[in-house]
Amino acid sequence: MKPAFSVVFLTTLSGAAQGLLIALVGVEACAKLGLITSPSQTFFIVGAALSVVLGGLGLLASFFHLGHPERAWRAIAMWRTSWLSRECLCLPAFLGCGALYGIAHWFGAPWSLVIGLIGVIASAALFVCTAMIYACLRFLQEWATPLTLVNFVLLGCASGFTLATACAAWLAPSLAAGLAACACTLTLAGCATRVASLQRNARLRPKSTVQSATGIKGPNVVQKSRGFTAGAFNLREFFHGRSAEAIARIKWTFLVCAFGVPFVLMLLGMSAQSAALFCIAALTQYLGLIAERWFFFAEARHSQNIYYARAS
């Protein structure tokens, strides 16, 4: 498939925002239970504001994927049957919860944790809706797996907890080590499940063939021409146009930048108690996740490409 950068930014930005809010609520819940010392309200206010900004930027990016942005409100019309419509409802709900959570801490409201827990539920629902947009497409074998949902959740939470660690390093240093440990655990888990999906997809064999695409039953059908010489919608929208070598480079880039480098930087940050290292880890991980999400879309092999994107 051809990756759309609007959707790449939507899913990575909103995923980080969701993970960040989950981290904030987790910290507050632990503080309420007496497991840790409660940080200042500034930590929660800044974290919630950053979560809303990231989610808002993701929502803004999604508009660039629409042919007619002025009709965006129609996207919610099919909420009974469409995961996309459900995502369009869950994202504003999540942003609203994040904003109310920050406002509650601004005024020192005692019910801030309740709003946060509702926000966590909205975040979980948004993760499910976003992932199921792709996992429900059975004809794209690379996406039609429970690993799609698992990866969306783990990668979003990993990036969110890494951001929370960077915020804590500046505003609540006593929390940085604990959040960094959580971020490292989530990063390792995300790496393991993403590698598992790569191995699974490498073993897949297309269900469609040249014979089924053309309706010709002969055993030795060879495509010689696409039937046209100019560009076409099918070539632009269903194939990324990159070489196998370029795809391999992008795969190794995201494995290193989204998982390896941030993990090492977080460990170094914990030992050196360096806020700068935590910030660099968050930035590196996000750039790696952009590459990961681009690869996620590019590795899906649409069956129409058997006919339109290949020619001997």
C-alpha atoms as a PDB file:
ATOM      1  CA  MET A   1       0.000   0.000   0.000  1.00  0.00           C
ATOM      2  CA  LYS A   2       1.023   3.629  -0.377  1.00  0.00           C
ATOM      3  CA  PRO A   3       1.529   5.181   3.087  1.00  0.00           C
ATOM      4  CA  ALA A   4      -0.312   8.458   3.658  1.00  0.00           C
ATOM      5  CA  PHE A   5       1.728  10.735   5.899  1.00  0.00           C
ATOM      6  CA  SER A   6      -1.450  12.309   7.251  1.00  0.00           C
ATOM      7  CA  VAL A   7      -2.454   8.944   8.708  1.00  0.00           C
ATOM      8  CA  VAL A   8       1.119   8.207   9.797  1.00  0.00           C
ATOM      9  CA  PHE A   9       1.156  11.399  11.875  1.00  0.00           C
ATOM     10  CA  LEU A  10      -2.406  10.863  13.111  1.00  0.00           C
ATOM     11  CA  THR A  11      -1.686   7.412  14.517  1.00  0.00           C
ATOM     12  CA  THR A  12       1.751   8.186  15.976  1.00  0.00           C
ATOM     13  CA  LEU A  13       0.825  11.530  17.539  1.00  0.00           C
ATOM     14  CA  SER A  14      -2.461  10.340  19.003  1.00  0.00           C
ATOM     15  CA  GLY A  15      -0.822   7.112  20.195  1.00  0.00           C
ATOM     16  CA  ALA A  16       1.841   9.061  22.084  1.00  0.00           C
ATOM     17  CA  ALA A  17      -0.852  11.344  23.530  1.00  0.00           C
ATOM     18  CA  GLN A  18      -2.863   8.343  24.737  1.00  0.00           C
ATOM     19  CA  GLY A  19       0.162   6.695  26.290  1.00  0.00           C
ATOM     20  CA  LEU A  20       1.124   9.947  28.027  1.00  0.00           C
ATOM     21  CA  LEU A  21      -2.317  10.363  29.593  1.00  0.00           C
ATOM     22  CA  ILE A  22      -2.258   6.740  30.766  1.00  0.00           C
ATOM     23  CA  ALA A  23       1.123   7.380  32.385  1.00  0.00           C
ATOM     24  CA  LEU A  24      -0.156  10.504  34.161  1.00  0.00           C
ATOM     25  CA  VAL A  25      -3.211   8.727  35.529  1.00  0.00           C
ATOM     26  CA  GLY A  26      -1.044   5.792  36.604  1.00  0.00           C
ATOM     27  CA  VAL A  27       1.210   8.151  38.554  1.00  0.00           C
ATOM     28  CA  GLU A  28      -1.757   9.815  40.248  1.00  0.00           C
ATOM     29  CA  ALA A  29      -3.330   6.464  41.117  1.00  0.00           C
ATOM     30  CA  CYS A  30      -0.065   5.255  42.686  1.00  0.00           C
ATOM     31  CA  ALA A  31       0.181   8.505  44.645  1.00  0.00           C
ATOM     32  CA  LYS A  32      -3.401   8.114  45.915  1.00  0.00           C
ATOM     33  CA  LEU A  33      -2.556   4.583  47.064  1.00  0.00           C
ATOM     34  CA  GLY A  34       0.495   5.845  48.909  1.00  0.00           C
ATOM     35  CA  LEU A  35       2.953   3.900  46.745  1.00  0.00           C
ATOM     36  CA  ILE A  36       4.863   7.028  45.684  1.00  0.00           C
ATOM     37  CA  THR A  37       5.144  10.623  46.765  1.00  0.00           C
ATOM     38  CA  SER A  38       2.629  12.779  44.956  1.00  0.00           C
ATOM     39  CA  PRO A  39       4.304  15.139  42.468  1.00  0.00           C
ATOM     40  CA  SER A  40       3.389  18.787  42.032  1.00  0.00           C
ATOM     41  CA  GLN A  41       0.244  19.757  40.147  1.00  0.00           C
ATOM     42  CA  THR A  42       2.479  21.326  37.501  1.00  0.00           C
ATOM     43  CA  PHE A  43       3.595  17.870  36.374  1.00  0.00           C
ATOM     44  CA  PHE A  44       0.017  16.812  35.689  1.00  0.00           C
ATOM     45  CA  ILE A  45      -0.979  20.133  34.104  1.00  0.00           C
ATOM     46  CA  VAL A  46       1.967  20.212  31.715  1.00  0.00           C
ATOM     47  CA  GLY A  47       1.599  16.507  30.904  1.00  0.00           C
ATOM     48  CA  ALA A  48      -2.127  16.830  30.201  1.00  0.00           C
ATOM     49  CA  ALA A  49      -1.535  19.923  28.050  1.00  0.00           C
ATOM     50  CA  LEU A  50       1.133  18.080  26.048  1.00  0.00           C
ATOM     51  CA  SER A  51      -1.219  15.116  25.603  1.00  0.00           C
ATOM     52  CA  VAL A  52      -4.006  17.365  24.285  1.00  0.00           C
ATOM     53  CA  VAL A  53      -1.605  19.214  21.961  1.00  0.00           C
ATOM     54  CA  LEU A  54      -0.249  15.970  20.499  1.00  0.00           C
ATOM     55  CA  GLY A  55      -3.744  14.534  20.074  1.00  0.00           C
ATOM     56  CA  GLY A  56      -4.943  17.795  18.523  1.00  0.00           C
ATOM     57  CA  LEU A  57      -2.048  17.776  16.054  1.00  0.00           C
ATOM     58  CA  GLY A  58      -2.945  14.209  15.144  1.00  0.00           C
ATOM     59  CA  LEU A  59      -6.558  15.247  14.564  1.00  0.00           C
ATOM     60  CA  LEU A  60      -5.381  18.158  12.429  1.00  0.00           C
ATOM     61  CA  ALA A  61      -3.163  15.845  10.372  1.00  0.00           C
ATOM     62  CA  SER A  62      -6.144  13.603   9.641  1.00  0.00           C
ATOM     63  CA  PHE A  63      -7.889  16.438   7.782  1.00  0.00           C
ATOM     64  CA  PHE A  64      -5.154  16.372   5.138  1.00  0.00           C
ATOM     65  CA  HIS A  65      -6.286  12.841   4.273  1.00  0.00           C
ATOM     66  CA  LEU A  66      -9.763  14.036   3.307  1.00  0.00           C
ATOM     67  CA  GLY A  67     -10.727  14.995  -0.209  1.00  0.00           C
ATOM     68  CA  HIS A  68     -13.421  17.319   1.168  1.00  0.00           C
ATOM     69  CA  PRO A  69     -12.483  18.410   4.721  1.00  0.00           C
ATOM     70  CA  GLU A  70     -15.672  20.455   4.967  1.00  0.00           C
ATOM     71  CA  ARG A  71     -17.599  17.162   5.004  1.00  0.00           C
ATOM     72  CA  ALA A  72     -15.537  15.658   7.851  1.00  0.00           C
ATOM     73  CA  TRP A  73     -18.568  15.654  10.153  1.00  0.00           C
ATOM     74  CA  ARG A  74     -20.119  12.943   7.978  1.00  0.00           C
ATOM     75  CA  ALA A  75     -17.407  10.526   9.107  1.00  0.00           C
ATOM     76  CA  ILE A  76     -19.386   9.716  12.262  1.00  0.00           C
ATOM     77  CA  ALA A  77     -22.541   8.744  10.366  1.00  0.00           C
ATOM     78  CA  MET A  78     -21.674   5.018  10.176  1.00  0.00           C
ATOM     79  CA  TRP A  79     -20.629   4.531  13.802  1.00  0.00           C
ATOM     80  CA  ARG A  80     -22.751   1.372  14.134  1.00  0.00           C
ATOM     81  CA  THR A  81     -20.701  -0.543  11.568  1.00  0.00           C
ATOM     82  CA  SER A  82     -17.524   1.443  10.847  1.00  0.00           C
ATOM     83  CA  TRP A  83     -14.399   1.417  13.000  1.00  0.00           C
ATOM     84  CA  LEU A  84     -13.356   4.655  11.300  1.00  0.00           C
ATOM     85  CA  SER A  85     -16.545   6.376  12.442  1.00  0.00           C
ATOM     86  CA  ARG A  86     -15.987   5.084  15.966  1.00  0.00           C
ATOM     87  CA  GLU A  87     -12.440   6.444  15.902  1.00  0.00           C
ATOM     88  CA  CYS A  88     -13.822   9.832  14.862  1.00  0.00           C
ATOM     89  CA  LEU A  89     -16.006   9.777  17.998  1.00  0.00           C
ATOM     90  CA  CYS A  90     -13.374   8.430  20.389  1.00  0.00           C
ATOM     91  CA  LEU A  91     -10.612  10.898  19.476  1.00  0.00           C
ATOM     92  CA  PRO A  92     -12.549  14.071  20.439  1.00  0.00           C
ATOM     93  CA  ALA A  93     -13.794  12.271  23.559  1.00  0.00           C
ATOM     94  CA  PHE A  94     -10.208  11.463  24.498  1.00  0.00           C
ATOM     95  CA  LEU A  95      -9.101  15.061  23.875  1.00  0.00           C
ATOM     96  CA  GLY A  96     -11.976  16.334  26.006  1.00  0.00           C
ATOM     97  CA  CYS A  97     -11.011  14.033  28.881  1.00  0.00           C
ATOM     98  CA  GLY A  98      -7.378  15.107  28.612  1.00  0.00           C
ATOM     99  CA  ALA A  99      -8.337  18.785  28.713  1.00  0.00           C
ATOM    100  CA  LEU A 100     -10.670  18.283  31.703  1.00  0.00           C
ATOM    101  CA  TYR A 101      -7.979  16.296  33.475  1.00  0.00           C
ATOM    102  CA  GLY A 102      -5.527  19.180  33.155  1.00  0.00           C
ATOM    103  CA  ILE A 103      -8.152  21.714  34.216  1.00  0.00           C
ATOM    104  CA  ALA A 104      -9.039  19.605  37.273  1.00  0.00           C
ATOM    105  CA  HIS A 105      -5.407  19.650  38.383  1.00  0.00           C
ATOM    106  CA  TRP A 106      -5.163  23.369  37.630  1.00  0.00           C
ATOM    107  CA  PHE A 107      -7.910  24.019  40.171  1.00  0.00           C
ATOM    108  CA  GLY A 108      -6.825  21.224  42.522  1.00  0.00           C
ATOM    109  CA  ALA A 109     -10.129  19.392  42.180  1.00  0.00           C
ATOM    110  CA  PRO A 110     -10.368  16.195  44.298  1.00  0.00           C
ATOM    111  CA  TRP A 111     -12.125  14.317  41.480  1.00  0.00           C
ATOM    112  CA  SER A 112      -9.248  14.629  38.992  1.00  0.00           C
ATOM    113  CA  LEU A 113      -8.496  10.899  39.224  1.00  0.00           C
ATOM    114  CA  VAL A 114     -12.061  10.045  38.214  1.00  0.00           C
ATOM    115  CA  ILE A 115     -11.716  12.157  35.064  1.00  0.00           C
ATOM    116  CA  GLY A 116      -8.332  10.553  34.433  1.00  0.00           C
ATOM    117  CA  LEU A 117      -9.761   7.057  34.658  1.00  0.00           C
ATOM    118  CA  ILE A 118     -12.491   8.010  32.190  1.00  0.00           C
ATOM    119  CA  GLY A 119      -9.731   9.351  29.950  1.00  0.00           C
ATOM    120  CA  VAL A 120      -7.894   6.008  30.195  1.00  0.00           C
ATOM    121  CA  ILE A 121     -11.081   4.224  29.100  1.00  0.00           C
ATOM    122  CA  ALA A 122     -11.436   6.659  26.183  1.00  0.00           C
ATOM    123  CA  SER A 123      -7.782   6.058  25.318  1.00  0.00           C
ATOM    124  CA  ALA A 124      -8.263   2.285  25.339  1.00  0.00           C
ATOM    125  CA  ALA A 125     -11.351   2.611  23.139  1.00  0.00           C
ATOM    126  CA  LEU A 126      -9.414   4.832  20.727  1.00  0.00           C
ATOM    127  CA  PHE A 127      -6.569   2.303  20.529  1.00  0.00           C
ATOM    128  CA  VAL A 128      -9.065  -0.442  19.669  1.00  0.00           C
ATOM    129  CA  CYS A 129     -10.913   1.623  17.067  1.00  0.00           C
ATOM    130  CA  THR A 130      -7.746   2.826  15.336  1.00  0.00           C
ATOM    131  CA  ALA A 131      -6.165  -0.621  15.190  1.00  0.00           C
ATOM    132  CA  MET A 132      -9.357  -2.347  14.054  1.00  0.00           C
ATOM    133  CA  ILE A 133      -9.627  -0.048  11.031  1.00  0.00           C
ATOM    134  CA  TYR A 134      -6.731  -2.084   9.651  1.00  0.00           C
ATOM    135  CA  ALA A 135      -7.056  -5.414  11.457  1.00  0.00           C
ATOM    136  CA  CYS A 136     -10.589  -5.934  10.126  1.00  0.00           C
ATOM    137  CA  LEU A 137      -9.419  -5.872   6.480  1.00  0.00           C
ATOM    138  CA  ARG A 138      -9.140  -9.611   5.881  1.00  0.00           C
ATOM    139  CA  PHE A 139      -7.916  -9.255   2.299  1.00  0.00           C
ATOM    140  CA  LEU A 140      -4.761  -7.509   3.579  1.00  0.00           C
ATOM    141  CA  GLN A 141      -3.112 -10.432   5.348  1.00  0.00           C
ATOM    142  CA  GLU A 142      -0.332  -8.327   6.869  1.00  0.00           C
ATOM    143  CA  TRP A 143      -2.875  -6.347   8.900  1.00  0.00           C
ATOM    144  CA  ALA A 144      -5.482  -9.018   9.620  1.00  0.00           C
ATOM    145  CA  THR A 145      -3.932 -10.251  12.854  1.00  0.00           C
ATOM    146  CA  PRO A 146      -4.360  -9.575  16.602  1.00  0.00           C
ATOM    147  CA  LEU A 147      -0.741  -8.358  16.556  1.00  0.00           C
ATOM    148  CA  THR A 148      -1.953  -5.183  14.844  1.00  0.00           C
ATOM    149  CA  LEU A 149      -3.968  -4.202  17.916  1.00  0.00           C
ATOM    150  CA  VAL A 150      -1.219  -5.305  20.306  1.00  0.00           C
ATOM    151  CA  ASN A 151       1.404  -3.267  18.454  1.00  0.00           C
ATOM    152  CA  PHE A 152      -0.732  -0.113  18.291  1.00  0.00           C
ATOM    153  CA  VAL A 153      -1.297  -0.297  22.054  1.00  0.00           C
ATOM    154  CA  LEU A 154       2.273  -1.132  23.074  1.00  0.00           C
ATOM    155  CA  LEU A 155       3.974   1.343  20.739  1.00  0.00           C
ATOM    156  CA  GLY A 156       1.605   4.131  21.747  1.00  0.00           C
ATOM    157  CA  CYS A 157       2.100   3.403  25.452  1.00  0.00           C
ATOM    158  CA  ALA A 158       5.880   3.097  25.050  1.00  0.00           C
ATOM    159  CA  SER A 159       6.167   6.503  23.383  1.00  0.00           C
ATOM    160  CA  GLY A 160       3.745   8.022  25.899  1.00  0.00           C
ATOM    161  CA  PHE A 161       5.670   6.727  28.910  1.00  0.00           C
ATOM    162  CA  THR A 162       8.945   7.922  27.377  1.00  0.00           C
ATOM    163  CA  LEU A 163       7.414  11.390  27.055  1.00  0.00           C
ATOM    164  CA  ALA A 164       6.154  11.172  30.632  1.00  0.00           C
ATOM    165  CA  THR A 165       9.689  10.312  31.742  1.00  0.00           C
ATOM    166  CA  ALA A 166      11.068  13.384  29.967  1.00  0.00           C
ATOM    167  CA  CYS A 167       8.417  15.560  31.635  1.00  0.00           C
ATOM    168  CA  ALA A 168       9.136  14.033  35.042  1.00  0.00           C
ATOM    169  CA  ALA A 169      12.880  14.632  34.636  1.00  0.00           C
ATOM    170  CA  TRP A 170      12.135  18.374  34.502  1.00  0.00           C
ATOM    171  CA  LEU A 171       9.129  18.701  36.797  1.00  0.00           C
ATOM    172  CA  ALA A 172       9.194  15.685  39.157  1.00  0.00           C
ATOM    173  CA  PRO A 173      12.705  14.155  39.217  1.00  0.00           C
ATOM    174  CA  SER A 174      11.785  11.596  41.865  1.00  0.00           C
ATOM    175  CA  LEU A 175       9.433   9.903  39.373  1.00  0.00           C
ATOM    176  CA  ALA A 176      11.842   9.773  36.431  1.00  0.00           C
ATOM    177  CA  ALA A 177      13.498   6.455  37.276  1.00  0.00           C
ATOM    178  CA  GLY A 178      10.211   4.611  37.802  1.00  0.00           C
ATOM    179  CA  LEU A 179       8.643   5.978  34.641  1.00  0.00           C
ATOM    180  CA  ALA A 180      11.829   5.209  32.700  1.00  0.00           C
ATOM    181  CA  ALA A 181      11.687   1.602  33.889  1.00  0.00           C
ATOM    182  CA  CYS A 182       8.068   1.356  32.694  1.00  0.00           C
ATOM    183  CA  ALA A 183       9.019   2.949  29.364  1.00  0.00           C
ATOM    184  CA  CYS A 184      11.885   0.488  28.893  1.00  0.00           C
ATOM    185  CA  THR A 185       9.594  -2.456  29.662  1.00  0.00           C
ATOM    186  CA  LEU A 186       6.968  -1.239  27.195  1.00  0.00           C
ATOM    187  CA  THR A 187       9.632  -0.571  24.563  1.00  0.00           C
ATOM    188  CA  LEU A 188      11.000  -4.109  24.900  1.00  0.00           C
ATOM    189  CA  ALA A 189       7.473  -5.563  24.769  1.00  0.00           C
ATOM    190  CA  GLY A 190       6.658  -3.455  21.708  1.00  0.00           C
ATOM    191  CA  CYS A 191       9.873  -4.565  20.029  1.00  0.00           C
ATOM    192  CA  ALA A 192       9.105  -8.236  20.713  1.00  0.00           C
ATOM    193  CA  THR A 193       5.577  -8.064  19.289  1.00  0.00           C
ATOM    194  CA  ARG A 194       6.652  -5.967  16.290  1.00  0.00           C
ATOM    195  CA  VAL A 195       9.413  -8.442  15.448  1.00  0.00           C
ATOM    196  CA  ALA A 196       6.836 -11.233  15.816  1.00  0.00           C
ATOM    197  CA  SER A 197       4.577  -9.490  13.290  1.00  0.00           C
ATOM    198  CA  LEU A 198       7.513  -9.011  10.893  1.00  0.00           C
ATOM    199  CA  GLN A 199       8.336 -12.712  11.098  1.00  0.00           C
ATOM    200  CA  ARG A 200       4.689 -13.639  10.591  1.00  0.00           C
ATOM    201  CA  ASN A 201       4.302 -11.389   7.569  1.00  0.00           C
ATOM    202  CA  ALA A 202       7.518 -12.688   6.005  1.00  0.00           C
ATOM    203  CA  ARG A 203       5.979 -16.171   5.985  1.00  0.00           C
ATOM    204  CA  LEU A 204       2.740 -15.085   4.302  1.00  0.00           C
ATOM    205  CA  ARG A 205       1.984 -16.158   0.766  1.00  0.00           C
ATOM    206  CA  PRO A 206      -0.473 -14.119  -1.365  1.00  0.00           C
ATOM    207  CA  LYS A 207      -3.855 -15.771  -1.719  1.00  0.00           C
ATOM    208  CA  SER A 208      -4.351 -14.121  -5.101  1.00  0.00           C
ATOM    209  CA  THR A 209      -2.299 -15.061  -8.144  1.00  0.00           C
ATOM    210  CA  VAL A 210      -1.865 -13.795 -11.695  1.00  0.00           C
ATOM    211  CA  GLN A 211      -4.321 -16.523 -12.723  1.00  0.00           C
ATOM    212  CA  SER A 212      -7.008 -15.394 -10.288  1.00  0.00           C
ATOM    213  CA  ALA A 213      -6.377 -11.718 -11.112  1.00  0.00           C
ATOM    214  CA  THR A 214      -6.812 -12.247 -14.852  1.00  0.00           C
ATOM    215  CA  GLY A 215      -9.233 -15.175 -14.833  1.00  0.00           C
ATOM    216  CA  ILE A 216      -6.878 -17.228 -17.010  1.00  0.00           C
ATOM    217  CA  LYS A 217      -6.508 -20.790 -15.724  1.00  0.00           C
ATOM    218  CA  GLY A 218      -3.244 -21.670 -17.503  1.00  0.00           C
ATOM    219  CA  PRO A 219      -0.381 -22.811 -15.245  1.00  0.00           C
ATOM    220  CA  ASN A 220       2.275 -20.592 -16.866  1.00  0.00           C
ATOM    221  CA  VAL A 221       0.650 -17.168 -17.157  1.00  0.00           C
ATOM    222  CA  VAL A 222       3.256 -14.400 -17.464  1.00  0.00           C
ATOM    223  CA  GLN A 223       2.415 -10.704 -17.385  1.00  0.00           C
ATOM    224  CA  LYS A 224       4.094  -8.747 -20.184  1.00  0.00           C
ATOM    225  CA  SER A 225       2.301  -5.388 -19.982  1.00  0.00           C
ATOM    226  CA  ARG A 226      -0.073  -3.463 -17.750  1.00  0.00           C
ATOM    227  CA  GLY A 227      -2.096  -2.450 -20.781  1.00  0.00           C
ATOM    228  CA  PHE A 228      -1.305   1.262 -20.448  1.00  0.00           C
ATOM    229  CA  THR A 229       1.791   3.473 -20.390  1.00  0.00           C
ATOM    230  CA  ALA A 230       0.626   6.548 -18.467  1.00  0.00           C
ATOM    231  CA  GLY A 231       0.084   6.809 -14.712  1.00  0.00           C
ATOM    232  CA  ALA A 232      -3.096   5.536 -13.103  1.00  0.00           C
ATOM    233  CA  PHE A 233      -4.924   5.770  -9.790  1.00  0.00           C
ATOM    234  CA  ASN A 234      -4.134   2.137  -9.010  1.00  0.00           C
ATOM    235  CA  LEU A 235      -0.404   2.708  -9.378  1.00  0.00           C
ATOM    236  CA  ARG A 236      -0.427   5.834  -7.214  1.00  0.00           C
ATOM    237  CA  GLU A 237      -2.662   4.738  -4.352  1.00  0.00           C
ATOM    238  CA  PHE A 238      -2.040   1.018  -3.867  1.00  0.00           C
ATOM    239  CA  PHE A 239       1.727   0.736  -4.245  1.00  0.00           C
ATOM    240  CA  HIS A 240       4.500   2.597  -2.435  1.00  0.00           C
ATOM    241  CA  GLY A 241       6.898   2.557  -5.390  1.00  0.00           C
ATOM    242  CA  ARG A 242      10.008   1.845  -3.283  1.00  0.00           C
ATOM    243  CA  SER A 243      12.577  -0.836  -4.037  1.00  0.00           C
ATOM    244  CA  ALA A 244      13.028  -3.894  -1.842  1.00  0.00           C
ATOM    245  CA  GLU A 245      16.371  -2.485  -0.668  1.00  0.00           C
ATOM    246  CA  ALA A 246      14.744   0.786   0.428  1.00  0.00           C
ATOM    247  CA  ILE A 247      12.042  -1.110   2.326  1.00  0.00           C
ATOM    248  CA  ALA A 248      14.697  -3.176   4.109  1.00  0.00           C
ATOM    249  CA  ARG A 249      16.575  -0.015   5.115  1.00  0.00           C
ATOM    250  CA  ILE A 250      13.405   1.523   6.545  1.00  0.00           C
ATOM    251  CA  LYS A 251      12.696  -1.657   8.504  1.00  0.00           C
ATOM    252  CA  TRP A 252      16.094  -1.655  10.173  1.00  0.00           C
ATOM    253  CA  THR A 253      15.869   2.096  10.726  1.00  0.00           C
ATOM    254  CA  PHE A 254      12.689   1.838  12.758  1.00  0.00           C
ATOM    255  CA  LEU A 255      13.901  -1.201  14.698  1.00  0.00           C
ATOM    256  CA  VAL A 256      16.985   0.737  15.788  1.00  0.00           C
ATOM    257  CA  CYS A 257      15.412   4.177  16.297  1.00  0.00           C
ATOM    258  CA  ALA A 258      12.077   3.146  17.815  1.00  0.00           C
ATOM    259  CA  PHE A 259      13.419   0.447  20.128  1.00  0.00           C
ATOM    260  CA  GLY A 260      17.192   0.032  20.391  1.00  0.00           C
ATOM    261  CA  VAL A 261      18.422   3.609  20.725  1.00  0.00           C
ATOM    262  CA  PRO A 262      15.637   4.837  23.071  1.00  0.00           C
ATOM    263  CA  PHE A 263      16.128   1.820  25.331  1.00  0.00           C
ATOM    264  CA  VAL A 264      19.856   2.519  25.668  1.00  0.00           C
ATOM    265  CA  LEU A 265      19.285   6.249  26.169  1.00  0.00           C
ATOM    266  CA  MET A 266      16.724   5.592  28.886  1.00  0.00           C
ATOM    267  CA  LEU A 267      19.155   3.332  30.736  1.00  0.00           C
ATOM    268  CA  LEU A 268      21.878   5.963  30.451  1.00  0.00           C
ATOM    269  CA  GLY A 269      19.415   8.619  31.583  1.00  0.00           C
ATOM    270  CA  MET A 270      18.543   6.627  34.691  1.00  0.00           C
ATOM    271  CA  SER A 271      22.183   6.160  35.645  1.00  0.00           C
ATOM    272  CA  ALA A 272      23.182   9.758  34.880  1.00  0.00           C
ATOM    273  CA  GLN A 273      19.880  11.313  36.008  1.00  0.00           C
ATOM    274  CA  SER A 274      19.983  13.365  32.805  1.00  0.00           C
ATOM    275  CA  ALA A 275      16.829  15.086  31.613  1.00  0.00           C
ATOM    276  CA  ALA A 276      18.504  15.786  28.270  1.00  0.00           C
ATOM    277  CA  LEU A 277      18.995  12.066  27.592  1.00  0.00           C
ATOM    278  CA  PHE A 278      15.344  11.372  28.356  1.00  0.00           C
ATOM    279  CA  CYS A 279      14.271  14.126  25.949  1.00  0.00           C
ATOM    280  CA  ILE A 280      16.565  12.792  23.213  1.00  0.00           C
ATOM    281  CA  ALA A 281      15.166   9.299  23.809  1.00  0.00           C
ATOM    282  CA  ALA A 282      11.603  10.585  23.381  1.00  0.00           C
ATOM    283  CA  LEU A 283      12.464  12.427  20.167  1.00  0.00           C
ATOM    284  CA  THR A 284      14.408   9.498  18.712  1.00  0.00           C
ATOM    285  CA  GLN A 285      11.650   7.065  19.543  1.00  0.00           C
ATOM    286  CA  TYR A 286       8.996   9.220  17.924  1.00  0.00           C
ATOM    287  CA  LEU A 287      11.040   9.566  14.718  1.00  0.00           C
ATOM    288  CA  GLY A 288      11.520   5.800  14.742  1.00  0.00           C
ATOM    289  CA  LEU A 289       7.777   5.268  15.161  1.00  0.00           C
ATOM    290  CA  ILE A 290       7.107   7.473  12.136  1.00  0.00           C
ATOM    291  CA  ALA A 291       9.325   5.103  10.134  1.00  0.00           C
ATOM    292  CA  GLU A 292       7.598   2.106  11.745  1.00  0.00           C
ATOM    293  CA  ARG A 293       4.136   3.343  10.849  1.00  0.00           C
ATOM    294  CA  TRP A 294       5.242   4.143   7.276  1.00  0.00           C
ATOM    295  CA  PHE A 295       6.563   0.589   7.006  1.00  0.00           C
ATOM    296  CA  PHE A 296       3.324  -0.785   8.489  1.00  0.00           C
ATOM    297  CA  PHE A 297       1.348   0.694   5.620  1.00  0.00           C
ATOM    298  CA  ALA A 298       3.942  -0.094   2.951  1.00  0.00           C
ATOM    299  CA  GLU A 299       4.270  -3.781   3.834  1.00  0.00           C
ATOM    300  CA  ALA A 300       0.568  -4.457   3.191  1.00  0.00           C
ATOM    301  CA  ARG A 301       0.351  -6.090  -0.237  1.00  0.00           C
ATOM    302  CA  HIS A 302      -2.905  -5.229  -1.984  1.00  0.00           C
ATOM    303  CA  SER A 303      -3.975  -7.989  -4.332  1.00  0.00           C
ATOM    304  CA  GLN A 304      -4.616  -5.546  -7.189  1.00  0.00           C
ATOM    305  CA  ASN A 305      -0.847  -4.978  -7.413  1.00  0.00           C
ATOM    306  CA  ILE A 306      -0.447  -8.465  -8.860  1.00  0.00           C
ATOM    307  CA  TYR A 307      -1.823  -6.996 -12.062  1.00  0.00           C
ATOM    308  CA  TYR A 308      -1.195  -3.255 -11.905  1.00  0.00           C
ATOM    309  CA  ALA A 309       2.201  -2.896 -10.230  1.00  0.00           C
ATOM    310  CA  ARG A 310       4.176  -5.714 -11.809  1.00  0.00           C
ATOM    311  CA  ALA A 311       5.321  -6.234 -15.336  1.00  0.00           C
ATOM    312  CA  SER A 312       8.176  -8.335 -16.715  1.00  0.00           C
END
